[in-house]
PDB file of N, CA and C in Angstrom:
ATOM      1  N   MET A   1      68.416 -37.560-101.874  1.00  0.00           N
ATOM      2  CA  MET A   1      68.452 -36.514-100.970  1.00  0.00           C
ATOM      3  C   MET A   1      69.557 -36.258 -99.975  1.00  0.00           C
ATOM      4  N   VAL A   2      69.984 -34.881-100.155  1.00  0.00           N
ATOM      5  CA  VAL A   2      70.801 -34.415 -99.269  1.00  0.00           C
ATOM      6  C   VAL A   2      70.577 -33.535 -98.426  1.00  0.00           C
ATOM      7  N   PRO A   3      70.607 -33.376 -97.317  1.00  0.00           N
ATOM      8  CA  PRO A   3      69.910 -32.620 -96.345  1.00  0.00           C
ATOM      9  C   PRO A   3      71.065 -31.712 -96.172  1.00  0.00           C
ATOM     10  N   VAL A   4      70.590 -30.414 -95.802  1.00  0.00           N
ATOM     11  CA  VAL A   4      71.501 -28.984 -95.518  1.00  0.00           C
ATOM     12  C   VAL A   4      71.842 -29.340 -94.105  1.00  0.00           C
ATOM     13  N   PRO A   5      73.366 -29.244 -93.904  1.00  0.00           N
ATOM     14  CA  PRO A   5      73.939 -29.530 -92.275  1.00  0.00           C
ATOM     15  C   PRO A   5      73.004 -28.110 -91.833  1.00  0.00           C
ATOM     16  N   PRO A   6      72.467 -28.586 -90.603  1.00  0.00           N
ATOM     17  CA  PRO A   6      72.021 -27.903 -89.797  1.00  0.00           C
ATOM     18  C   PRO A   6      72.992 -26.546 -89.280  1.00  0.00           C
ATOM     19  N   SER A   7      72.445 -25.337 -88.841  1.00  0.00           N
ATOM     20  CA  SER A   7      73.579 -23.999 -88.627  1.00  0.00           C
ATOM     21  C   SER A   7      73.422 -24.129 -86.857  1.00  0.00           C
ATOM     22  N   ASN A   8      72.648 -24.928 -86.259  1.00  0.00           N
ATOM     23  CA  ASN A   8      73.044 -24.797 -84.853  1.00  0.00           C
ATOM     24  C   ASN A   8      73.103 -26.629 -84.755  1.00  0.00           C
ATOM     25  N   GLY A   9      74.641 -26.991 -84.624  1.00  0.00           N
ATOM     26  CA  GLY A   9      74.861 -28.537 -84.259  1.00  0.00           C
ATOM     27  C   GLY A   9      74.601 -28.811 -82.914  1.00  0.00           C
ATOM     28  N   GLN A  10      74.044 -28.315 -81.973  1.00  0.00           N
ATOM     29  CA  GLN A  10      73.793 -28.295 -80.562  1.00  0.00           C
ATOM     30  C   GLN A  10      72.649 -28.563 -80.366  1.00  0.00           C
ATOM     31  N   ARG A  11      71.637 -28.562 -81.353  1.00  0.00           N
ATOM     32  CA  ARG A  11      70.168 -29.011 -81.102  1.00  0.00           C
ATOM     33  C   ARG A  11      70.249 -30.694 -80.627  1.00  0.00           C
ATOM     34  N   PRO A  12      69.482 -31.362 -79.904  1.00  0.00           N
ATOM     35  CA  PRO A  12      69.508 -32.555 -79.632  1.00  0.00           C
ATOM     36  C   PRO A  12      68.846 -33.312 -80.875  1.00  0.00           C
ATOM     37  N   ASN A  13      67.523 -32.173 -81.323  1.00  0.00           N
ATOM     38  CA  ASN A  13      66.880 -33.116 -82.717  1.00  0.00           C
ATOM     39  C   ASN A  13      66.789 -31.783 -83.672  1.00  0.00           C
ATOM     40  N   GLN A  14      67.356 -32.356 -84.907  1.00  0.00           N
ATOM     41  CA  GLN A  14      67.718 -31.343 -85.850  1.00  0.00           C
ATOM     42  C   GLN A  14      66.182 -31.339 -86.824  1.00  0.00           C
ATOM     43  N   PRO A  15      65.709 -30.634 -86.975  1.00  0.00           N
ATOM     44  CA  PRO A  15      64.468 -30.257 -87.622  1.00  0.00           C
ATOM     45  C   PRO A  15      64.680 -30.849 -89.310  1.00  0.00           C
ATOM     46  N   VAL A  16      65.986 -30.565 -89.705  1.00  0.00           N
ATOM     47  CA  VAL A  16      65.940 -30.683 -91.313  1.00  0.00           C
ATOM     48  C   VAL A  16      66.277 -32.200 -91.349  1.00  0.00           C
ATOM     49  N   ILE A  17      66.806 -32.936 -90.565  1.00  0.00           N
ATOM     50  CA  ILE A  17      67.130 -33.942 -90.649  1.00  0.00           C
ATOM     51  C   ILE A  17      66.452 -34.818 -90.097  1.00  0.00           C
ATOM     52  N   VAL A  18      65.302 -34.589 -89.073  1.00  0.00           N
ATOM     53  CA  VAL A  18      64.158 -35.427 -88.575  1.00  0.00           C
ATOM     54  C   VAL A  18      63.012 -35.378 -89.960  1.00  0.00           C
ATOM     55  N   LEU A  19      62.683 -33.934 -90.579  1.00  0.00           N
ATOM     56  CA  LEU A  19      62.286 -33.914 -91.731  1.00  0.00           C
ATOM     57  C   LEU A  19      62.649 -34.791 -93.186  1.00  0.00           C
ATOM     58  N   ALA A  20      63.791 -34.763 -93.354  1.00  0.00           N
ATOM     59  CA  ALA A  20      64.899 -35.469 -94.427  1.00  0.00           C
ATOM     60  C   ALA A  20      64.425 -37.023 -94.264  1.00  0.00           C
ATOM     61  N   ARG A  21      64.548 -37.446 -93.266  1.00  0.00           N
ATOM     62  CA  ARG A  21      64.108 -39.055 -92.917  1.00  0.00           C
ATOM     63  C   ARG A  21      62.954 -39.316 -92.965  1.00  0.00           C
ATOM     64  N   GLU A  22      62.131 -38.853 -92.858  1.00  0.00           N
ATOM     65  CA  GLU A  22      60.472 -39.108 -92.379  1.00  0.00           C
ATOM     66  C   GLU A  22      60.348 -39.036 -94.114  1.00  0.00           C
ATOM     67  N   LEU A  23      60.466 -37.841 -94.719  1.00  0.00           N
ATOM     68  CA  LEU A  23      60.248 -37.845 -96.168  1.00  0.00           C
ATOM     69  C   LEU A  23      60.942 -38.653 -96.957  1.00  0.00           C
ATOM     70  N   SER A  24      62.138 -38.970 -96.629  1.00  0.00           N
ATOM     71  CA  SER A  24      62.698 -40.017 -97.582  1.00  0.00           C
ATOM     72  C   SER A  24      61.969 -41.275 -97.095  1.00  0.00           C
ATOM     73  N   ARG A  25      61.735 -41.885 -96.259  1.00  0.00           N
ATOM     74  CA  ARG A  25      60.711 -42.851 -95.785  1.00  0.00           C
ATOM     75  C   ARG A  25      59.450 -42.985 -96.382  1.00  0.00           C
ATOM     76  N   ARG A  26      58.963 -41.963 -96.738  1.00  0.00           N
ATOM     77  CA  ARG A  26      57.232 -41.950 -97.115  1.00  0.00           C
ATOM     78  C   ARG A  26      57.379 -42.016 -98.771  1.00  0.00           C
ATOM     79  N   LYS A  27      58.740 -41.475 -99.281  1.00  0.00           N
ATOM     80  CA  LYS A  27      58.277 -41.229-100.518  1.00  0.00           C
ATOM     81  C   LYS A  27      59.646 -42.318-101.428  1.00  0.00           C
ATOM     82  N   GLY A  28      60.175 -42.950-100.408  1.00  0.00           N
ATOM     83  CA  GLY A  28      61.341 -44.151-100.876  1.00  0.00           C
ATOM     84  C   GLY A  28      62.506 -43.313-101.748  1.00  0.00           C
ATOM     85  N   ILE A  29      62.942 -42.193-100.973  1.00  0.00           N
ATOM     86  CA  ILE A  29      64.090 -41.334-101.837  1.00  0.00           C
ATOM     87  C   ILE A  29      65.286 -41.767-100.855  1.00  0.00           C
ATOM     88  N   GLU A  30      66.132 -42.276-101.656  1.00  0.00           N
ATOM     89  CA  GLU A  30      67.548 -42.470-101.102  1.00  0.00           C
ATOM     90  C   GLU A  30      68.230 -41.255-100.418  1.00  0.00           C
ATOM     91  N   LEU A  31      68.395 -41.103 -98.781  1.00  0.00           N
ATOM     92  CA  LEU A  31      68.996 -40.292 -98.085  1.00  0.00           C
ATOM     93  C   LEU A  31      70.327 -40.424 -98.262  1.00  0.00           C
ATOM     94  N   CYS A  32      70.919 -39.464 -98.299  1.00  0.00           N
ATOM     95  CA  CYS A  32      72.544 -39.660 -97.999  1.00  0.00           C
ATOM     96  C   CYS A  32      73.232 -38.451 -96.790  1.00  0.00           C
ATOM     97  N   GLU A  33      72.899 -38.706 -95.516  1.00  0.00           N
ATOM     98  CA  GLU A  33      72.956 -37.636 -94.515  1.00  0.00           C
ATOM     99  C   GLU A  33      74.334 -37.223 -94.379  1.00  0.00           C
ATOM    100  N   ASP A  34      75.335 -38.128 -94.998  1.00  0.00           N
ATOM    101  CA  ASP A  34      76.815 -38.076 -94.560  1.00  0.00           C
ATOM    102  C   ASP A  34      77.164 -37.329 -96.211  1.00  0.00           C
ATOM    103  N   GLY A  35      76.607 -37.160 -96.928  1.00  0.00           N
ATOM    104  CA  GLY A  35      77.588 -36.710 -98.154  1.00  0.00           C
ATOM    105  C   GLY A  35      77.816 -35.021 -98.106  1.00  0.00           C
ATOM    106  N   LEU A  36      77.245 -34.589 -97.336  1.00  0.00           N
ATOM    107  CA  LEU A  36      77.303 -33.310 -97.077  1.00  0.00           C
ATOM    108  C   LEU A  36      77.366 -32.960 -95.965  1.00  0.00           C
ATOM    109  N   ARG A  37      78.931 -31.919 -95.377  1.00  0.00           N
ATOM    110  CA  ARG A  37      79.098 -32.070 -93.978  1.00  0.00           C
ATOM    111  C   ARG A  37      79.450 -30.175 -93.825  1.00  0.00           C
ATOM    112  N   LYS A  38      79.327 -29.891 -92.756  1.00  0.00           N
ATOM    113  CA  LYS A  38      79.822 -28.116 -92.704  1.00  0.00           C
ATOM    114  C   LYS A  38      81.533 -28.903 -92.602  1.00  0.00           C
ATOM    115  N   SER A  39      82.417 -27.800 -92.917  1.00  0.00           N
ATOM    116  CA  SER A  39      83.838 -27.828 -92.785  1.00  0.00           C
ATOM    117  C   SER A  39      84.260 -27.074 -91.862  1.00  0.00           C
ATOM    118  N   LYS A  40      83.070 -25.872 -91.666  1.00  0.00           N
ATOM    119  CA  LYS A  40      83.962 -24.948 -90.396  1.00  0.00           C
ATOM    120  C   LYS A  40      82.878 -24.307 -89.649  1.00  0.00           C
ATOM    121  N   GLN A  41      82.488 -23.731 -88.701  1.00  0.00           N
ATOM    122  CA  GLN A  41      81.673 -22.912 -87.856  1.00  0.00           C
ATOM    123  C   GLN A  41      81.275 -21.964 -88.495  1.00  0.00           C
ATOM    124  N   THR A  42      79.957 -21.536 -89.001  1.00  0.00           N
ATOM    125  CA  THR A  42      79.669 -19.871 -89.391  1.00  0.00           C
ATOM    126  C   THR A  42      78.616 -19.341 -88.311  1.00  0.00           C
ATOM    127  N   ARG A  43      78.299 -18.281 -88.441  1.00  0.00           N
ATOM    128  CA  ARG A  43      77.732 -17.685 -87.610  1.00  0.00           C
ATOM    129  C   ARG A  43      76.046 -17.716 -88.522  1.00  0.00           C
ATOM    130  N   GLN A  44      75.326 -17.495 -87.589  1.00  0.00           N
ATOM    131  CA  GLN A  44      73.858 -18.038 -87.970  1.00  0.00           C
ATOM    132  C   GLN A  44      73.651 -16.826 -89.215  1.00  0.00           C
ATOM    133  N   LEU A  45      73.006 -16.767 -90.104  1.00  0.00           N
ATOM    134  CA  LEU A  45      72.664 -15.472 -91.321  1.00  0.00           C
ATOM    135  C   LEU A  45      71.357 -15.249 -91.206  1.00  0.00           C
ATOM    136  N   LYS A  46      70.715 -15.171 -90.004  1.00  0.00           N
ATOM    137  CA  LYS A  46      69.189 -14.727 -90.201  1.00  0.00           C
ATOM    138  C   LYS A  46      69.204 -13.292 -89.711  1.00  0.00           C
ATOM    139  N   ASP A  47      70.531 -12.403 -89.349  1.00  0.00           N
ATOM    140  CA  ASP A  47      70.930 -11.307 -89.390  1.00  0.00           C
ATOM    141  C   ASP A  47      71.601 -10.632 -89.910  1.00  0.00           C
ATOM    142  N   VAL A  48      71.921 -11.279 -91.048  1.00  0.00           N
ATOM    143  CA  VAL A  48      72.903 -10.781 -92.307  1.00  0.00           C
ATOM    144  C   VAL A  48      72.065 -10.463 -93.418  1.00  0.00           C
ATOM    145  N   HIS A  49      72.243  -9.337 -94.076  1.00  0.00           N
ATOM    146  CA  HIS A  49      70.757  -8.927 -95.208  1.00  0.00           C
ATOM    147  C   HIS A  49      71.625  -9.143 -96.073  1.00  0.00           C
ATOM    148  N   ALA A  50      72.862  -8.478 -96.377  1.00  0.00           N
ATOM    149  CA  ALA A  50      73.500  -8.411 -97.435  1.00  0.00           C
ATOM    150  C   ALA A  50      73.791  -9.831 -97.972  1.00  0.00           C
ATOM    151  N   TYR A  51      73.405 -10.060 -99.438  1.00  0.00           N
ATOM    152  CA  TYR A  51      73.690 -11.277-100.148  1.00  0.00           C
ATOM    153  C   TYR A  51      75.134 -11.419-100.243  1.00  0.00           C
ATOM    154  N   SER A  52      76.290 -10.447-100.655  1.00  0.00           N
ATOM    155  CA  SER A  52      77.424 -10.798-100.902  1.00  0.00           C
ATOM    156  C   SER A  52      77.995 -10.904 -99.327  1.00  0.00           C
ATOM    157  N   GLU A  53      77.657 -10.714 -98.366  1.00  0.00           N
ATOM    158  CA  GLU A  53      78.455 -11.177 -97.046  1.00  0.00           C
ATOM    159  C   GLU A  53      77.990 -12.135 -96.490  1.00  0.00           C
ATOM    160  N   ARG A  54      76.377 -12.776 -96.917  1.00  0.00           N
ATOM    161  CA  ARG A  54      76.115 -13.962 -96.652  1.00  0.00           C
ATOM    162  C   ARG A  54      77.241 -15.236 -97.636  1.00  0.00           C
ATOM    163  N   LEU A  55      77.348 -14.777 -98.689  1.00  0.00           N
ATOM    164  CA  LEU A  55      77.989 -16.004 -99.266  1.00  0.00           C
ATOM    165  C   LEU A  55      79.932 -15.697 -98.819  1.00  0.00           C
ATOM    166  N   ASN A  56      80.083 -14.319 -98.570  1.00  0.00           N
ATOM    167  CA  ASN A  56      81.697 -14.478 -97.876  1.00  0.00           C
ATOM    168  C   ASN A  56      81.561 -15.441 -96.824  1.00  0.00           C
ATOM    169  N   ILE A  57      80.588 -15.489 -95.572  1.00  0.00           N
ATOM    170  CA  ILE A  57      80.393 -16.079 -94.746  1.00  0.00           C
ATOM    171  C   ILE A  57      80.229 -17.891 -95.008  1.00  0.00           C
ATOM    172  N   LEU A  58      79.877 -17.903 -96.004  1.00  0.00           N
ATOM    173  CA  LEU A  58      79.480 -19.420 -96.667  1.00  0.00           C
ATOM    174  C   LEU A  58      80.597 -19.981 -97.165  1.00  0.00           C
ATOM    175  N   LYS A  59      81.468 -19.115 -97.776  1.00  0.00           N
ATOM    176  CA  LYS A  59      82.743 -19.453 -97.928  1.00  0.00           C
ATOM    177  C   LYS A  59      83.668 -20.532 -97.541  1.00  0.00           C
ATOM    178  N   ASP A  60      83.832 -21.548 -97.865  1.00  0.00           N
ATOM    179  CA  ASP A  60      84.421 -22.996 -97.523  1.00  0.00           C
ATOM    180  C   ASP A  60      84.027 -23.292 -96.355  1.00  0.00           C
ATOM    181  N   ALA A  61      82.683 -23.112 -96.148  1.00  0.00           N
ATOM    182  CA  ALA A  61      81.513 -23.753 -95.075  1.00  0.00           C
ATOM    183  C   ALA A  61      81.312 -25.117 -94.726  1.00  0.00           C
ATOM    184  N   PHE A  62      81.439 -25.708 -96.241  1.00  0.00           N
ATOM    185  CA  PHE A  62      80.752 -27.335 -96.435  1.00  0.00           C
ATOM    186  C   PHE A  62      81.998 -27.919 -97.173  1.00  0.00           C
ATOM    187  N   ALA A  63      81.764 -29.182 -97.133  1.00  0.00           N
ATOM    188  CA  ALA A  63      82.393 -30.133 -97.938  1.00  0.00           C
ATOM    189  C   ALA A  63      81.647 -31.370 -98.314  1.00  0.00           C
ATOM    190  N   VAL A  64      81.966 -32.346 -98.873  1.00  0.00           N
ATOM    191  CA  VAL A  64      81.291 -33.158 -99.737  1.00  0.00           C
ATOM    192  C   VAL A  64      81.877 -34.537 -99.996  1.00  0.00           C
ATOM    193  N   THR A  65      80.991 -35.399-100.055  1.00  0.00           N
ATOM    194  CA  THR A  65      81.419 -36.942 -99.981  1.00  0.00           C
ATOM    195  C   THR A  65      81.930 -37.142-101.609  1.00  0.00           C
ATOM    196  N   ARG A  66      82.521 -37.048-102.178  1.00  0.00           N
ATOM    197  CA  ARG A  66      82.476 -37.347-103.523  1.00  0.00           C
ATOM    198  C   ARG A  66      81.968 -38.896-104.294  1.00  0.00           C
ATOM    199  N   GLN A  67      82.935 -39.827-103.788  1.00  0.00           N
ATOM    200  CA  GLN A  67      82.533 -40.857-104.292  1.00  0.00           C
ATOM    201  C   GLN A  67      80.574 -41.514-103.814  1.00  0.00           C
ATOM    202  N   GLN A  68      80.485 -40.896-102.893  1.00  0.00           N
ATOM    203  CA  GLN A  68      78.716 -40.807-102.540  1.00  0.00           C
ATOM    204  C   GLN A  68      77.699 -39.926-103.534  1.00  0.00           C
ATOM    205  N   LEU A  69      78.288 -38.976-104.165  1.00  0.00           N
ATOM    206  CA  LEU A  69      77.139 -38.388-104.757  1.00  0.00           C
ATOM    207  C   LEU A  69      78.106 -38.231-106.588  1.00  0.00           C
ATOM    208  N   GLN A  70      79.205 -38.626-106.503  1.00  0.00           N
ATOM    209  CA  GLN A  70      79.255 -38.324-108.078  1.00  0.00           C
ATOM    210  C   GLN A  70      78.099 -39.152-108.927  1.00  0.00           C
ATOM    211  N   ASN A  71      78.236 -38.380-110.235  1.00  0.00           N
ATOM    212  CA  ASN A  71      77.482 -38.559-111.360  1.00  0.00           C
ATOM    213  C   ASN A  71      75.700 -38.875-110.625  1.00  0.00           C
ATOM    214  N   ARG A  72      75.464 -38.685-109.499  1.00  0.00           N
ATOM    215  CA  ARG A  72      74.141 -38.577-108.952  1.00  0.00           C
ATOM    216  C   ARG A  72      73.111 -37.470-109.437  1.00  0.00           C
ATOM    217  N   LYS A  73      71.744 -37.538-109.512  1.00  0.00           N
ATOM    218  CA  LYS A  73      71.046 -36.609-109.087  1.00  0.00           C
ATOM    219  C   LYS A  73      70.496 -36.237-107.891  1.00  0.00           C
ATOM    220  N   VAL A  74      71.121 -35.148-107.409  1.00  0.00           N
ATOM    221  CA  VAL A  74      70.702 -34.831-106.136  1.00  0.00           C
ATOM    222  C   VAL A  74      69.130 -33.762-105.718  1.00  0.00           C
ATOM    223  N   LEU A  75      68.530 -34.039-104.626  1.00  0.00           N
ATOM    224  CA  LEU A  75      67.549 -33.338-104.379  1.00  0.00           C
ATOM    225  C   LEU A  75      68.079 -32.605-102.708  1.00  0.00           C
ATOM    226  N   LEU A  76      68.498 -31.528-102.901  1.00  0.00           N
ATOM    227  CA  LEU A  76      68.855 -30.965-101.819  1.00  0.00           C
ATOM    228  C   LEU A  76      67.953 -30.156-101.085  1.00  0.00           C
ATOM    229  N   PHE A  77      68.052 -30.872 -99.808  1.00  0.00           N
ATOM    230  CA  PHE A  77      66.778 -30.588 -98.904  1.00  0.00           C
ATOM    231  C   PHE A  77      67.104 -29.051 -97.863  1.00  0.00           C
ATOM    232  N   ASP A  78      66.186 -28.451 -97.746  1.00  0.00           N
ATOM    233  CA  ASP A  78      67.041 -27.265 -96.395  1.00  0.00           C
ATOM    234  C   ASP A  78      65.687 -26.776 -95.810  1.00  0.00           C
ATOM    235  N   ASP A  79      65.642 -26.516 -94.571  1.00  0.00           N
ATOM    236  CA  ASP A  79      64.189 -26.062 -93.925  1.00  0.00           C
ATOM    237  C   ASP A  79      63.686 -24.355 -94.212  1.00  0.00           C
ATOM    238  N   LEU A  80      64.811 -23.713 -94.589  1.00  0.00           N
ATOM    239  CA  LEU A  80      64.188 -22.640 -94.853  1.00  0.00           C
ATOM    240  C   LEU A  80      64.760 -22.006 -96.266  1.00  0.00           C
ATOM    241  N   PHE A  81      64.000 -20.956 -97.039  1.00  0.00           N
ATOM    242  CA  PHE A  81      64.857 -20.371 -98.097  1.00  0.00           C
ATOM    243  C   PHE A  81      64.670 -18.943 -97.909  1.00  0.00           C
ATOM    244  N   ARG A  82      65.815 -18.150 -97.778  1.00  0.00           N
ATOM    245  CA  ARG A  82      65.771 -16.633 -97.682  1.00  0.00           C
ATOM    246  C   ARG A  82      66.177 -15.905 -98.849  1.00  0.00           C
ATOM    247  N   SER A  83      67.492 -15.873 -99.001  1.00  0.00           N
ATOM    248  CA  SER A  83      68.032 -15.097 -99.831  1.00  0.00           C
ATOM    249  C   SER A  83      68.720 -16.301-101.336  1.00  0.00           C
ATOM    250  N   GLY A  84      68.864 -17.645-100.836  1.00  0.00           N
ATOM    251  CA  GLY A  84      69.075 -18.756-101.626  1.00  0.00           C
ATOM    252  C   GLY A  84      70.655 -18.713-101.525  1.00  0.00           C
ATOM    253  N   ALA A  85      71.561 -18.037-100.773  1.00  0.00           N
ATOM    254  CA  ALA A  85      72.983 -17.801-100.614  1.00  0.00           C
ATOM    255  C   ALA A  85      73.195 -19.172-100.456  1.00  0.00           C
ATOM    256  N   THR A  86      72.738 -19.651 -99.367  1.00  0.00           N
ATOM    257  CA  THR A  86      73.188 -21.078 -98.728  1.00  0.00           C
ATOM    258  C   THR A  86      72.928 -22.439 -99.954  1.00  0.00           C
ATOM    259  N   LEU A  87      71.909 -22.343-100.664  1.00  0.00           N
ATOM    260  CA  LEU A  87      71.563 -23.277-101.557  1.00  0.00           C
ATOM    261  C   LEU A  87      72.026 -22.963-102.845  1.00  0.00           C
ATOM    262  N   ASN A  88      72.496 -21.901-103.039  1.00  0.00           N
ATOM    263  CA  ASN A  88      73.709 -21.381-104.334  1.00  0.00           C
ATOM    264  C   ASN A  88      75.058 -22.035-103.676  1.00  0.00           C
ATOM    265  N   ALA A  89      75.178 -21.744-102.673  1.00  0.00           N
ATOM    266  CA  ALA A  89      76.756 -21.923-102.485  1.00  0.00           C
ATOM    267  C   ALA A  89      77.016 -23.663-102.341  1.00  0.00           C
ATOM    268  N   ILE A  90      76.208 -24.314-101.898  1.00  0.00           N
ATOM    269  CA  ILE A  90      76.300 -25.990-101.583  1.00  0.00           C
ATOM    270  C   ILE A  90      76.097 -26.328-103.256  1.00  0.00           C
ATOM    271  N   THR A  91      75.269 -25.907-104.019  1.00  0.00           N
ATOM    272  CA  THR A  91      74.663 -26.347-105.310  1.00  0.00           C
ATOM    273  C   THR A  91      76.091 -26.080-106.007  1.00  0.00           C
ATOM    274  N   ASN A  92      77.222 -24.950-106.038  1.00  0.00           N
ATOM    275  CA  ASN A  92      78.105 -24.972-106.568  1.00  0.00           C
ATOM    276  C   ASN A  92      79.067 -26.107-106.266  1.00  0.00           C
ATOM    277  N   LEU A  93      79.051 -25.968-104.843  1.00  0.00           N
ATOM    278  CA  LEU A  93      79.932 -27.232-104.310  1.00  0.00           C
ATOM    279  C   LEU A  93      79.665 -28.369-105.048  1.00  0.00           C
ATOM    280  N   LEU A  94      78.437 -29.139-105.099  1.00  0.00           N
ATOM    281  CA  LEU A  94      78.202 -30.325-105.817  1.00  0.00           C
ATOM    282  C   LEU A  94      78.549 -30.723-106.935  1.00  0.00           C
ATOM    283  N   TYR A  95      78.208 -29.765-107.749  1.00  0.00           N
ATOM    284  CA  TYR A  95      78.777 -29.366-109.082  1.00  0.00           C
ATOM    285  C   TYR A  95      80.056 -29.364-109.348  1.00  0.00           C
ATOM    286  N   ASN A  96      80.871 -28.501-108.751  1.00  0.00           N
ATOM    287  CA  ASN A  96      82.285 -28.253-108.916  1.00  0.00           C
ATOM    288  C   ASN A  96      82.799 -29.652-108.040  1.00  0.00           C
ATOM    289  N   ASP A  97      82.905 -30.259-106.998  1.00  0.00           N
ATOM    290  CA  ASP A  97      83.606 -30.948-106.212  1.00  0.00           C
ATOM    291  C   ASP A  97      83.094 -32.295-106.250  1.00  0.00           C
ATOM    292  N   ALA A  98      82.023 -32.344-106.449  1.00  0.00           N
ATOM    293  CA  ALA A  98      81.262 -33.696-106.157  1.00  0.00           C
ATOM    294  C   ALA A  98      81.098 -34.411-107.822  1.00  0.00           C
ATOM    295  N   GLU A  99      81.205 -33.481-108.371  1.00  0.00           N
ATOM    296  CA  GLU A  99      80.713 -33.577-110.124  1.00  0.00           C
ATOM    297  C   GLU A  99      78.853 -34.297-110.105  1.00  0.00           C
ATOM    298  N   VAL A 100      78.113 -34.094-109.291  1.00  0.00           N
ATOM    299  CA  VAL A 100      76.758 -34.589-109.909  1.00  0.00           C
ATOM    300  C   VAL A 100      76.398 -34.305-110.886  1.00  0.00           C
ATOM    301  N   ALA A 101      75.216 -34.947-111.546  1.00  0.00           N
ATOM    302  CA  ALA A 101      74.844 -34.947-112.761  1.00  0.00           C
ATOM    303  C   ALA A 101      73.731 -33.353-112.333  1.00  0.00           C
ATOM    304  N   SER A 102      73.043 -33.577-111.301  1.00  0.00           N
ATOM    305  CA  SER A 102      71.883 -32.448-111.669  1.00  0.00           C
ATOM    306  C   SER A 102      71.638 -32.118-109.908  1.00  0.00           C
ATOM    307  N   VAL A 103      71.036 -31.285-109.727  1.00  0.00           N
ATOM    308  CA  VAL A 103      70.671 -30.610-108.433  1.00  0.00           C
ATOM    309  C   VAL A 103      69.428 -29.991-108.278  1.00  0.00           C
ATOM    310  N   ASN A 104      68.268 -29.995-107.305  1.00  0.00           N
ATOM    311  CA  ASN A 104      67.029 -29.573-107.182  1.00  0.00           C
ATOM    312  C   ASN A 104      67.203 -29.370-105.914  1.00  0.00           C
ATOM    313  N   ALA A 105      65.984 -28.234-105.654  1.00  0.00           N
ATOM    314  CA  ALA A 105      66.107 -27.803-103.990  1.00  0.00           C
ATOM    315  C   ALA A 105      64.872 -28.239-103.709  1.00  0.00           C
ATOM    316  N   LEU A 106      64.621 -28.400-102.746  1.00  0.00           N
ATOM    317  CA  LEU A 106      63.353 -28.563-101.747  1.00  0.00           C
ATOM    318  C   LEU A 106      63.415 -27.983-100.367  1.00  0.00           C
ATOM    319  N   THR A 107      62.742 -26.895 -99.947  1.00  0.00           N
ATOM    320  CA  THR A 107      62.722 -26.295 -98.919  1.00  0.00           C
ATOM    321  C   THR A 107      61.322 -26.252 -98.195  1.00  0.00           C
ATOM    322  N   ILE A 108      61.149 -26.163 -96.893  1.00  0.00           N
ATOM    323  CA  ILE A 108      60.114 -26.218 -96.112  1.00  0.00           C
ATOM    324  C   ILE A 108      59.413 -24.629 -96.406  1.00  0.00           C
ATOM    325  N   THR A 109      60.090 -23.686 -95.756  1.00  0.00           N
ATOM    326  CA  THR A 109      59.378 -22.481 -95.795  1.00  0.00           C
ATOM    327  C   THR A 109      60.296 -21.633 -96.540  1.00  0.00           C
ATOM    328  N   LYS A 110      59.929 -20.122 -96.929  1.00  0.00           N
ATOM    329  CA  LYS A 110      60.441 -19.429 -97.666  1.00  0.00           C
ATOM    330  C   LYS A 110      60.086 -18.020 -96.673  1.00  0.00           C
ATOM    331  N   THR A 111      60.898 -17.288 -96.406  1.00  0.00           N
ATOM    332  CA  THR A 111      60.860 -15.653 -95.861  1.00  0.00           C
ATOM    333  C   THR A 111      60.809 -14.652 -96.434  1.00  0.00           C
ATOM    334  N   ARG A 112      60.155 -14.031 -96.275  1.00  0.00           N
ATOM    335  CA  ARG A 112      59.753 -12.683 -96.944  1.00  0.00           C
ATOM    336  C   ARG A 112      60.981 -12.037 -97.181  1.00  0.00           C
ATOM    337  N   SER A 113      61.204 -11.319 -98.305  1.00  0.00           N
ATOM    338  CA  SER A 113      62.113 -10.774 -98.462  1.00  0.00           C
ATOM    339  C   SER A 113      62.327  -9.392 -98.060  1.00  0.00           C
ATOM    340  N   ARG A 114      63.639  -8.730 -97.348  1.00  0.00           N
ATOM    341  CA  ARG A 114      63.774  -7.447 -97.045  1.00  0.00           C
ATOM    342  C   ARG A 114      64.031  -6.382 -98.315  1.00  0.00           C
ATOM    343  N   SER A 115      63.440  -5.469 -98.641  1.00  0.00           N
ATOM    344  CA  SER A 115      64.060  -4.435 -99.749  1.00  0.00           C
ATOM    345  C   SER A 115      64.700  -3.440 -99.255  1.00  0.00           C
TER     346      SER A 115
END
């Protein structure tokens, strides 16, 4: 399991990390907390509605540790699914840079889409 790095790195307790650790412990899923990291700070996406703008903000925002993930099956874990831009950007990175075998995604919540 690879948790998506938090958008707000200033919180003392990161909900995504706390939940990933507990899910990993309870289900016996290996947790790789340092396989994916933010490579640059980005603004929060909650007020960005255009998918293309979201992707532009996320461009080069993440980096992977190839040695830890290469040829592995990855469960990408995040707290929120809105447009899928973050998960899609990271999934592409995992396939292209880390050469993972497969990626599945799990999120805790899904927001309502805006038309």
